[in-house]
């Protein structure tokens, strides 16, 4: 499974990428600048995209996505297709669970 991480701020996307690689070593996690999201999504064809705002390109090439943004001091999820909808505060356990469920839904669980 390949995850493309393109959210802001930069420190978050780099931290997410490192945590995903450490806790889910079978998953390929790649951090990219949000301005390069569409180009990199087309090039890499990720299974999952984590970003601030989903673009039409992401909707076309990715199996699923998770919009994450910082509001106040909370990290919140704004939308996620093909998965149960939530919206609300997000923590590490939630992110890892989302990865796991995405893998199961795509049949790529290792």
N, C-alpha and C. Protein backbone atom coordinates (compact mmCIF):
# COMPACT_ATOMS: atom_id res chain seq x y z
N UNK A 1 0.85 -1.18 0.00
CA UNK A 1 0.00 0.00 0.00
C UNK A 1 0.89 1.23 0.00
N UNK A 2 0.49 2.22 -0.79
CA UNK A 2 1.25 3.47 -0.89
C UNK A 2 0.40 4.62 -0.37
N UNK A 3 0.98 5.41 0.55
CA UNK A 3 0.29 6.58 1.11
C UNK A 3 1.05 7.83 0.69
N UNK A 4 0.33 8.79 0.16
CA UNK A 4 0.90 10.08 -0.19
C UNK A 4 0.42 11.09 0.84
N UNK A 5 1.35 11.71 1.56
CA UNK A 5 1.01 12.65 2.64
C UNK A 5 1.36 14.06 2.16
N UNK A 6 0.34 14.93 2.04
CA UNK A 6 0.55 16.26 1.48
C UNK A 6 -0.21 17.33 2.26
N UNK A 7 -0.28 17.15 3.57
CA UNK A 7 -1.02 18.13 4.37
C UNK A 7 -0.07 19.19 4.93
N UNK A 8 -0.65 20.20 5.54
CA UNK A 8 0.09 21.28 6.19
C UNK A 8 -0.20 21.23 7.68
N UNK A 9 0.69 21.67 8.50
CA UNK A 9 2.01 22.21 8.18
C UNK A 9 3.01 21.11 7.84
N UNK A 10 4.14 21.53 7.30
CA UNK A 10 5.18 20.61 6.87
C UNK A 10 5.61 19.66 7.98
N UNK A 11 5.74 20.19 9.20
CA UNK A 11 6.18 19.35 10.32
C UNK A 11 5.20 18.20 10.56
N UNK A 12 3.91 18.42 10.34
CA UNK A 12 2.92 17.36 10.52
C UNK A 12 3.11 16.28 9.47
N UNK A 13 3.23 16.69 8.20
CA UNK A 13 3.33 15.67 7.15
C UNK A 13 4.61 14.85 7.30
N UNK A 14 5.71 15.50 7.72
CA UNK A 14 6.94 14.75 7.93
C UNK A 14 6.81 13.81 9.12
N UNK A 15 6.16 14.26 10.18
CA UNK A 15 5.95 13.40 11.36
C UNK A 15 5.03 12.23 11.01
N UNK A 16 3.94 12.49 10.30
CA UNK A 16 3.03 11.41 9.90
C UNK A 16 3.77 10.37 9.08
N UNK A 17 4.55 10.83 8.12
CA UNK A 17 5.29 9.90 7.26
C UNK A 17 6.22 9.02 8.07
N UNK A 18 6.97 9.61 9.00
CA UNK A 18 7.88 8.82 9.84
C UNK A 18 7.12 7.84 10.72
N UNK A 19 6.03 8.28 11.32
CA UNK A 19 5.25 7.39 12.18
C UNK A 19 4.65 6.25 11.38
N UNK A 20 4.10 6.55 10.21
CA UNK A 20 3.52 5.49 9.38
C UNK A 20 4.59 4.48 8.99
N UNK A 21 5.78 4.95 8.63
CA UNK A 21 6.87 4.05 8.25
C UNK A 21 7.33 3.20 9.43
N UNK A 22 7.31 3.77 10.62
CA UNK A 22 7.75 3.04 11.81
C UNK A 22 6.70 2.02 12.27
N UNK A 23 5.44 2.45 12.34
CA UNK A 23 4.39 1.59 12.89
C UNK A 23 3.71 0.69 11.86
N UNK A 24 3.86 1.01 10.60
CA UNK A 24 3.32 0.19 9.51
C UNK A 24 4.42 0.05 8.45
N UNK A 25 5.51 -0.68 8.79
CA UNK A 25 6.67 -0.73 7.90
C UNK A 25 6.40 -1.34 6.52
N UNK A 26 5.34 -2.09 6.38
CA UNK A 26 4.99 -2.67 5.08
C UNK A 26 4.32 -1.65 4.16
N UNK A 27 3.99 -0.47 4.69
CA UNK A 27 3.32 0.58 3.94
C UNK A 27 4.37 1.59 3.45
N UNK A 28 4.27 1.96 2.20
CA UNK A 28 5.14 2.99 1.65
C UNK A 28 4.48 4.34 1.90
N UNK A 29 5.14 5.21 2.65
CA UNK A 29 4.59 6.51 3.00
C UNK A 29 5.52 7.60 2.46
N UNK A 30 4.96 8.50 1.66
CA UNK A 30 5.75 9.51 0.96
C UNK A 30 5.19 10.89 1.26
N UNK A 31 6.04 11.79 1.77
CA UNK A 31 5.63 13.17 2.03
C UNK A 31 5.93 14.03 0.81
N UNK A 32 4.95 14.85 0.42
CA UNK A 32 5.14 15.78 -0.69
C UNK A 32 4.54 17.13 -0.33
N UNK A 33 5.09 18.17 -0.93
CA UNK A 33 4.55 19.51 -0.74
C UNK A 33 3.13 19.55 -1.31
N UNK A 34 2.20 20.18 -0.60
CA UNK A 34 0.82 20.25 -1.10
C UNK A 34 0.71 20.86 -2.50
N UNK A 35 1.62 21.77 -2.85
CA UNK A 35 1.58 22.36 -4.19
C UNK A 35 1.92 21.34 -5.28
N UNK A 36 2.53 20.24 -4.91
CA UNK A 36 2.88 19.19 -5.87
C UNK A 36 1.92 18.00 -5.79
N UNK A 37 0.85 18.13 -5.03
CA UNK A 37 -0.05 17.00 -4.79
C UNK A 37 -0.57 16.37 -6.08
N UNK A 38 -1.15 17.16 -6.96
CA UNK A 38 -1.73 16.58 -8.17
C UNK A 38 -0.68 15.89 -9.03
N UNK A 39 0.44 16.55 -9.23
CA UNK A 39 1.51 15.97 -10.05
C UNK A 39 2.00 14.65 -9.46
N UNK A 40 2.23 14.63 -8.14
CA UNK A 40 2.75 13.43 -7.49
C UNK A 40 1.69 12.33 -7.40
N UNK A 41 0.43 12.72 -7.25
CA UNK A 41 -0.64 11.71 -7.25
C UNK A 41 -0.72 11.02 -8.60
N UNK A 42 -0.61 11.78 -9.67
CA UNK A 42 -0.62 11.19 -11.01
C UNK A 42 0.59 10.29 -11.23
N UNK A 43 1.74 10.70 -10.74
CA UNK A 43 2.97 9.94 -10.94
C UNK A 43 3.00 8.67 -10.08
N UNK A 44 2.59 8.78 -8.81
CA UNK A 44 2.76 7.69 -7.86
C UNK A 44 1.54 6.77 -7.73
N UNK A 45 0.37 7.25 -8.14
CA UNK A 45 -0.87 6.46 -8.05
C UNK A 45 -1.05 5.84 -6.65
N UNK A 46 -1.15 6.69 -5.61
CA UNK A 46 -1.25 6.16 -4.24
C UNK A 46 -2.59 5.49 -3.97
N UNK A 47 -2.57 4.60 -2.99
CA UNK A 47 -3.81 3.98 -2.53
C UNK A 47 -4.57 4.92 -1.62
N UNK A 48 -3.82 5.69 -0.82
CA UNK A 48 -4.40 6.61 0.15
C UNK A 48 -3.68 7.93 0.07
N UNK A 49 -4.43 9.03 0.11
CA UNK A 49 -3.86 10.38 0.15
C UNK A 49 -4.33 11.05 1.43
N UNK A 50 -3.39 11.64 2.16
CA UNK A 50 -3.69 12.44 3.33
C UNK A 50 -3.34 13.87 2.95
N UNK A 51 -4.35 14.76 2.95
CA UNK A 51 -4.13 16.14 2.49
C UNK A 51 -5.12 17.08 3.18
N UNK A 52 -4.89 18.37 2.97
CA UNK A 52 -5.79 19.38 3.54
C UNK A 52 -7.09 19.48 2.74
N UNK A 53 -6.97 19.48 1.44
CA UNK A 53 -8.13 19.57 0.56
C UNK A 53 -7.97 18.58 -0.59
N UNK A 54 -8.96 17.76 -0.79
CA UNK A 54 -8.95 16.79 -1.89
C UNK A 54 -9.20 17.52 -3.20
N UNK A 55 -8.43 17.18 -4.21
CA UNK A 55 -8.59 17.77 -5.54
C UNK A 55 -9.27 16.75 -6.46
N UNK A 56 -9.79 17.21 -7.59
CA UNK A 56 -10.36 16.27 -8.55
C UNK A 56 -9.35 15.21 -9.01
N UNK A 57 -8.09 15.58 -9.10
CA UNK A 57 -7.06 14.60 -9.48
C UNK A 57 -6.95 13.51 -8.43
N UNK A 58 -6.92 13.89 -7.17
CA UNK A 58 -6.85 12.90 -6.09
C UNK A 58 -8.07 12.00 -6.13
N UNK A 59 -9.24 12.57 -6.32
CA UNK A 59 -10.46 11.76 -6.40
C UNK A 59 -10.40 10.74 -7.53
N UNK A 60 -9.70 11.08 -8.60
CA UNK A 60 -9.60 10.21 -9.76
C UNK A 60 -8.58 9.09 -9.58
N UNK A 61 -7.42 9.42 -9.00
CA UNK A 61 -6.33 8.43 -8.99
C UNK A 61 -6.19 7.64 -7.69
N UNK A 62 -6.64 8.16 -6.57
CA UNK A 62 -6.46 7.47 -5.29
C UNK A 62 -7.67 6.61 -4.97
N UNK A 63 -7.42 5.49 -4.30
CA UNK A 63 -8.52 4.62 -3.87
C UNK A 63 -9.34 5.29 -2.77
N UNK A 64 -8.65 5.97 -1.87
CA UNK A 64 -9.35 6.70 -0.81
C UNK A 64 -8.44 7.83 -0.33
N UNK A 65 -9.03 8.71 0.45
CA UNK A 65 -8.29 9.86 0.94
C UNK A 65 -8.84 10.29 2.28
N UNK A 66 -8.02 11.06 2.95
CA UNK A 66 -8.39 11.60 4.25
C UNK A 66 -7.97 13.05 4.28
N UNK A 67 -8.95 13.93 4.40
CA UNK A 67 -8.66 15.35 4.53
C UNK A 67 -8.38 15.64 6.00
N UNK A 68 -7.22 16.20 6.27
CA UNK A 68 -6.86 16.59 7.63
C UNK A 68 -6.47 18.05 7.63
N UNK A 69 -6.94 18.76 8.64
CA UNK A 69 -6.51 20.15 8.80
C UNK A 69 -6.48 20.52 10.26
N UNK A 70 -5.68 21.53 10.53
CA UNK A 70 -5.57 22.04 11.89
C UNK A 70 -6.60 23.15 12.06
N UNK A 71 -7.44 23.01 13.07
CA UNK A 71 -8.41 24.04 13.40
C UNK A 71 -8.23 24.34 14.88
N UNK A 72 -7.80 25.56 15.17
CA UNK A 72 -7.45 25.87 16.55
C UNK A 72 -6.24 25.05 16.92
N UNK A 73 -6.37 24.24 17.93
CA UNK A 73 -5.27 23.37 18.34
C UNK A 73 -5.57 21.91 18.05
N UNK A 74 -6.66 21.64 17.34
CA UNK A 74 -7.05 20.26 17.06
C UNK A 74 -6.78 19.90 15.61
N UNK A 75 -6.43 18.66 15.41
CA UNK A 75 -6.32 18.10 14.06
C UNK A 75 -7.66 17.42 13.79
N UNK A 76 -8.33 17.84 12.73
CA UNK A 76 -9.66 17.30 12.46
C UNK A 76 -9.71 16.68 11.07
N UNK A 77 -10.56 15.69 10.94
CA UNK A 77 -10.79 15.07 9.63
C UNK A 77 -12.05 15.66 9.05
N UNK A 78 -12.00 15.94 7.75
CA UNK A 78 -13.14 16.60 7.11
C UNK A 78 -13.89 15.69 6.15
N UNK A 79 -13.30 14.61 5.73
CA UNK A 79 -14.01 13.75 4.79
C UNK A 79 -13.18 12.54 4.43
N UNK A 80 -13.85 11.47 4.10
CA UNK A 80 -13.16 10.25 3.71
C UNK A 80 -14.13 9.33 2.99
N UNK A 81 -13.95 9.15 1.69
CA UNK A 81 -14.86 8.30 0.93
C UNK A 81 -14.62 6.82 1.20
N UNK A 82 -15.64 6.04 0.93
CA UNK A 82 -15.59 4.59 1.05
C UNK A 82 -15.30 4.12 2.47
N UNK A 83 -15.38 5.00 3.43
CA UNK A 83 -15.16 4.65 4.83
C UNK A 83 -16.26 5.34 5.63
N UNK A 84 -16.50 4.87 6.85
CA UNK A 84 -17.53 5.52 7.65
C UNK A 84 -17.14 6.97 7.91
N UNK A 85 -18.09 7.85 7.72
CA UNK A 85 -17.84 9.28 7.85
C UNK A 85 -17.82 9.68 9.32
N UNK A 86 -16.97 10.60 9.65
CA UNK A 86 -16.86 11.01 11.04
C UNK A 86 -16.75 12.51 11.15
N UNK A 87 -15.57 13.00 10.98
CA UNK A 87 -15.33 14.42 11.18
C UNK A 87 -15.21 14.67 12.66
N UNK A 88 -14.16 15.25 13.07
CA UNK A 88 -13.92 15.50 14.47
C UNK A 88 -12.44 15.35 14.76
N UNK A 89 -12.11 15.44 16.02
CA UNK A 89 -10.71 15.40 16.41
C UNK A 89 -10.07 14.06 16.03
N UNK A 90 -8.84 14.15 15.58
CA UNK A 90 -8.09 12.99 15.10
C UNK A 90 -6.86 12.79 15.98
N UNK A 91 -6.57 11.52 16.27
CA UNK A 91 -5.34 11.20 16.99
C UNK A 91 -4.60 10.11 16.22
N UNK A 92 -3.45 9.71 16.72
CA UNK A 92 -2.64 8.71 16.03
C UNK A 92 -3.38 7.40 15.86
N UNK A 93 -4.08 6.96 16.87
CA UNK A 93 -4.83 5.70 16.78
C UNK A 93 -5.84 5.76 15.64
N UNK A 94 -6.50 6.89 15.48
CA UNK A 94 -7.47 7.07 14.39
C UNK A 94 -6.78 6.95 13.04
N UNK A 95 -5.62 7.61 12.88
CA UNK A 95 -4.90 7.57 11.61
C UNK A 95 -4.46 6.15 11.26
N UNK A 96 -3.93 5.44 12.24
CA UNK A 96 -3.49 4.07 12.01
C UNK A 96 -4.68 3.16 11.68
N UNK A 97 -5.78 3.36 12.36
CA UNK A 97 -6.99 2.59 12.08
C UNK A 97 -7.48 2.87 10.67
N UNK A 98 -7.42 4.12 10.25
CA UNK A 98 -7.84 4.47 8.89
C UNK A 98 -6.96 3.77 7.86
N UNK A 99 -5.65 3.74 8.10
CA UNK A 99 -4.74 3.03 7.20
C UNK A 99 -5.11 1.56 7.14
N UNK A 100 -5.31 0.96 8.30
CA UNK A 100 -5.65 -0.47 8.35
C UNK A 100 -6.94 -0.77 7.61
N UNK A 101 -7.97 0.05 7.83
CA UNK A 101 -9.25 -0.16 7.15
C UNK A 101 -9.13 0.07 5.65
N UNK A 102 -8.30 1.04 5.25
CA UNK A 102 -8.07 1.28 3.84
C UNK A 102 -7.40 0.09 3.17
N UNK A 103 -6.44 -0.51 3.87
CA UNK A 103 -5.78 -1.70 3.35
C UNK A 103 -6.78 -2.86 3.19
N UNK A 104 -7.59 -3.06 4.21
CA UNK A 104 -8.57 -4.14 4.16
C UNK A 104 -9.56 -3.93 3.02
N UNK A 105 -10.00 -2.70 2.85
CA UNK A 105 -10.97 -2.39 1.79
C UNK A 105 -10.38 -2.61 0.40
N UNK A 106 -9.07 -2.38 0.28
CA UNK A 106 -8.44 -2.54 -1.03
C UNK A 106 -7.91 -3.95 -1.25
N UNK A 107 -7.97 -4.78 -0.21
CA UNK A 107 -7.46 -6.14 -0.32
C UNK A 107 -5.95 -6.22 -0.31
N UNK A 108 -5.29 -5.19 0.22
CA UNK A 108 -3.84 -5.13 0.22
C UNK A 108 -3.23 -5.36 1.59
N UNK A 109 -3.97 -5.84 2.51
CA UNK A 109 -3.47 -6.06 3.89
C UNK A 109 -2.36 -7.09 3.86
N UNK A 110 -1.22 -6.75 4.49
CA UNK A 110 -0.07 -7.67 4.54
C UNK A 110 -0.14 -8.58 5.73
